[in-house]
Amino acid sequence: MRPSSHKVLKSRKLPASYNALVMPFVLSILMSCIVSAVATLINAGWTTGFVATWPYAWGASWLVGFPSLLPVLPIVRRIVAAICRSADLVGLDYRVRHAKQKRPLRAAFTFD
């Protein structure tokens, strides 16, 4: 009997320490794909040249985008932390507001 695909994917995850590289890697691939496609469409239009031009533009923009994200992402995280409350505080607010209730505590957000 083969293991389910869920178990296979779960056992092949990278350690959490790789998050600092994997997140900017994936983000840079997606963002450079979208931005280079839009820029190529604006400049060259939807022609047969688009298919030949866009992969080169994507590769060039990714080569700039990924290394740029590595030092910029911590700065962006600090800016976002200054603007938004942390998830821990949201959960704490929920517990404080519902402390007088006799029901057991539930998570502030549930994902079912």
C-alpha atoms as a PDB file:
ATOM      1  CA  MET A   1       0.000   0.000   0.000  1.00  0.00           C
ATOM      2  CA  ARG A   2       1.377   3.404  -1.002  1.00  0.00           C
ATOM      3  CA  PRO A   3       1.561   6.238   1.518  1.00  0.00           C
ATOM      4  CA  SER A   4      -0.922   9.022   0.944  1.00  0.00           C
ATOM      5  CA  SER A   5       0.331  12.097  -0.888  1.00  0.00           C
ATOM      6  CA  HIS A   6      -0.370  14.185   2.228  1.00  0.00           C
ATOM      7  CA  LYS A   7       2.141  12.159   4.252  1.00  0.00           C
ATOM      8  CA  VAL A   8       4.739  12.290   1.498  1.00  0.00           C
ATOM      9  CA  LEU A   9       4.512  16.078   1.207  1.00  0.00           C
ATOM     10  CA  LYS A  10       4.558  16.489   4.951  1.00  0.00           C
ATOM     11  CA  SER A  11       7.721  14.439   5.395  1.00  0.00           C
ATOM     12  CA  ARG A  12       9.625  16.328   2.676  1.00  0.00           C
ATOM     13  CA  LYS A  13       9.292  19.834   4.078  1.00  0.00           C
ATOM     14  CA  LEU A  14      12.390  21.900   4.598  1.00  0.00           C
ATOM     15  CA  PRO A  15      13.362  22.934   8.134  1.00  0.00           C
ATOM     16  CA  ALA A  16      11.984  26.263   9.377  1.00  0.00           C
ATOM     17  CA  SER A  17      15.462  27.782   9.195  1.00  0.00           C
ATOM     18  CA  TYR A  18      15.168  27.796   5.378  1.00  0.00           C
ATOM     19  CA  ASN A  19      12.194  30.183   5.543  1.00  0.00           C
ATOM     20  CA  ALA A  20      14.505  33.191   5.257  1.00  0.00           C
ATOM     21  CA  LEU A  21      15.619  32.015   1.793  1.00  0.00           C
ATOM     22  CA  VAL A  22      12.595  30.121   0.465  1.00  0.00           C
ATOM     23  CA  MET A  23      10.077  32.934   1.018  1.00  0.00           C
ATOM     24  CA  PRO A  24      12.060  35.585  -0.932  1.00  0.00           C
ATOM     25  CA  PHE A  25      12.894  32.961  -3.576  1.00  0.00           C
ATOM     26  CA  VAL A  26       9.226  32.141  -4.248  1.00  0.00           C
ATOM     27  CA  LEU A  27       8.140  35.775  -3.911  1.00  0.00           C
ATOM     28  CA  SER A  28      10.793  36.938  -6.380  1.00  0.00           C
ATOM     29  CA  ILE A  29       9.789  34.283  -8.926  1.00  0.00           C
ATOM     30  CA  LEU A  30       6.119  35.257  -8.791  1.00  0.00           C
ATOM     31  CA  MET A  31       6.631  39.018  -8.687  1.00  0.00           C
ATOM     32  CA  SER A  32       9.259  39.104 -11.437  1.00  0.00           C
ATOM     33  CA  CYS A  33       7.006  36.915 -13.595  1.00  0.00           C
ATOM     34  CA  ILE A  34       4.056  39.274 -13.238  1.00  0.00           C
ATOM     35  CA  VAL A  35       5.986  42.537 -13.496  1.00  0.00           C
ATOM     36  CA  SER A  36       8.081  41.433 -16.482  1.00  0.00           C
ATOM     37  CA  ALA A  37       4.984  40.147 -18.304  1.00  0.00           C
ATOM     38  CA  VAL A  38       3.175  43.460 -17.785  1.00  0.00           C
ATOM     39  CA  ALA A  39       6.224  45.522 -18.792  1.00  0.00           C
ATOM     40  CA  THR A  40       6.812  43.388 -21.873  1.00  0.00           C
ATOM     41  CA  LEU A  41       3.155  43.636 -22.883  1.00  0.00           C
ATOM     42  CA  ILE A  42       3.206  47.419 -22.490  1.00  0.00           C
ATOM     43  CA  ASN A  43       6.435  47.850 -24.449  1.00  0.00           C
ATOM     44  CA  ALA A  44       6.123  45.159 -27.146  1.00  0.00           C
ATOM     45  CA  GLY A  45       2.399  44.484 -27.186  1.00  0.00           C
ATOM     46  CA  TRP A  46       0.731  41.116 -27.645  1.00  0.00           C
ATOM     47  CA  THR A  47       2.683  39.972 -30.673  1.00  0.00           C
ATOM     48  CA  THR A  48       4.630  36.875 -31.617  1.00  0.00           C
ATOM     49  CA  GLY A  49       7.684  38.670 -30.230  1.00  0.00           C
ATOM     50  CA  PHE A  50       6.153  38.592 -26.752  1.00  0.00           C
ATOM     51  CA  VAL A  51       6.697  34.848 -26.388  1.00  0.00           C
ATOM     52  CA  ALA A  52      10.356  35.233 -27.378  1.00  0.00           C
ATOM     53  CA  THR A  53      11.018  38.404 -25.361  1.00  0.00           C
ATOM     54  CA  TRP A  54       9.223  37.735 -22.079  1.00  0.00           C
ATOM     55  CA  PRO A  55      11.291  34.762 -20.790  1.00  0.00           C
ATOM     56  CA  TYR A  56      14.477  36.803 -21.215  1.00  0.00           C
ATOM     57  CA  ALA A  57      12.889  39.759 -19.397  1.00  0.00           C
ATOM     58  CA  TRP A  58      11.659  37.441 -16.635  1.00  0.00           C
ATOM     59  CA  GLY A  59      15.092  35.882 -16.131  1.00  0.00           C
ATOM     60  CA  ALA A  60      16.830  39.246 -16.072  1.00  0.00           C
ATOM     61  CA  SER A  61      14.322  40.720 -13.628  1.00  0.00           C
ATOM     62  CA  TRP A  62      14.531  37.652 -11.363  1.00  0.00           C
ATOM     63  CA  LEU A  63      18.328  37.891 -11.281  1.00  0.00           C
ATOM     64  CA  VAL A  64      17.919  41.407  -9.887  1.00  0.00           C
ATOM     65  CA  GLY A  65      14.791  40.728  -7.815  1.00  0.00           C
ATOM     66  CA  PHE A  66      15.917  37.762  -5.697  1.00  0.00           C
ATOM     67  CA  PRO A  67      19.196  39.219  -4.412  1.00  0.00           C
ATOM     68  CA  SER A  68      17.430  42.549  -3.784  1.00  0.00           C
ATOM     69  CA  LEU A  69      14.758  40.917  -1.650  1.00  0.00           C
ATOM     70  CA  LEU A  70      17.250  39.352   0.752  1.00  0.00           C
ATOM     71  CA  PRO A  71      18.345  42.634   2.409  1.00  0.00           C
ATOM     72  CA  VAL A  72      15.051  44.477   1.784  1.00  0.00           C
ATOM     73  CA  LEU A  73      12.648  41.928   3.290  1.00  0.00           C
ATOM     74  CA  PRO A  74      13.727  42.431   6.945  1.00  0.00           C
ATOM     75  CA  ILE A  75      13.204  46.178   6.517  1.00  0.00           C
ATOM     76  CA  VAL A  76       9.740  45.582   5.051  1.00  0.00           C
ATOM     77  CA  ARG A  77       8.885  43.257   7.975  1.00  0.00           C
ATOM     78  CA  ARG A  78       9.841  46.004  10.460  1.00  0.00           C
ATOM     79  CA  ILE A  79       7.709  48.554   8.609  1.00  0.00           C
ATOM     80  CA  VAL A  80       4.735  46.173   8.568  1.00  0.00           C
ATOM     81  CA  ALA A  81       5.234  45.385  12.274  1.00  0.00           C
ATOM     82  CA  ALA A  82       5.097  49.122  13.004  1.00  0.00           C
ATOM     83  CA  ILE A  83       1.810  49.437  11.106  1.00  0.00           C
ATOM     84  CA  CYS A  84      -0.035  46.228  12.081  1.00  0.00           C
ATOM     85  CA  ARG A  85      -0.663  44.524  15.395  1.00  0.00           C
ATOM     86  CA  SER A  86       1.025  41.163  15.815  1.00  0.00           C
ATOM     87  CA  ALA A  87      -1.017  37.975  15.743  1.00  0.00           C
ATOM     88  CA  ASP A  88      -0.142  37.322  19.407  1.00  0.00           C
ATOM     89  CA  LEU A  89      -1.757  40.603  20.439  1.00  0.00           C
ATOM     90  CA  VAL A  90      -4.887  39.830  18.446  1.00  0.00           C
ATOM     91  CA  GLY A  91      -5.250  36.537  20.317  1.00  0.00           C
ATOM     92  CA  LEU A  92      -4.551  38.294  23.626  1.00  0.00           C
ATOM     93  CA  ASP A  93      -7.261  40.885  22.916  1.00  0.00           C
ATOM     94  CA  TYR A  94      -9.706  38.070  22.254  1.00  0.00           C
ATOM     95  CA  ARG A  95      -8.871  36.343  25.551  1.00  0.00           C
ATOM     96  CA  VAL A  96      -9.149  39.588  27.523  1.00  0.00           C
ATOM     97  CA  ARG A  97     -12.525  40.470  25.983  1.00  0.00           C
ATOM     98  CA  HIS A  98     -13.924  36.998  26.629  1.00  0.00           C
ATOM     99  CA  ALA A  99     -12.338  36.350  30.047  1.00  0.00           C
ATOM    100  CA  LYS A 100     -15.634  36.822  31.903  1.00  0.00           C
ATOM    101  CA  GLN A 101     -17.388  34.153  29.898  1.00  0.00           C
ATOM    102  CA  LYS A 102     -17.706  30.660  31.392  1.00  0.00           C
ATOM    103  CA  ARG A 103     -17.116  28.964  28.034  1.00  0.00           C
ATOM    104  CA  PRO A 104     -13.665  27.516  27.329  1.00  0.00           C
ATOM    105  CA  LEU A 105     -11.343  29.726  25.329  1.00  0.00           C
ATOM    106  CA  ARG A 106     -11.230  29.219  21.589  1.00  0.00           C
ATOM    107  CA  ALA A 107      -8.676  30.501  19.131  1.00  0.00           C
ATOM    108  CA  ALA A 108      -9.298  34.013  17.853  1.00  0.00           C
ATOM    109  CA  PHE A 109      -9.274  32.699  14.297  1.00  0.00           C
ATOM    110  CA  THR A 110     -10.169  29.205  13.216  1.00  0.00           C
ATOM    111  CA  PHE A 111      -9.414  27.766   9.828  1.00  0.00           C
ATOM    112  CA  ASP A 112     -11.647  24.801   9.075  1.00  0.00           C
END
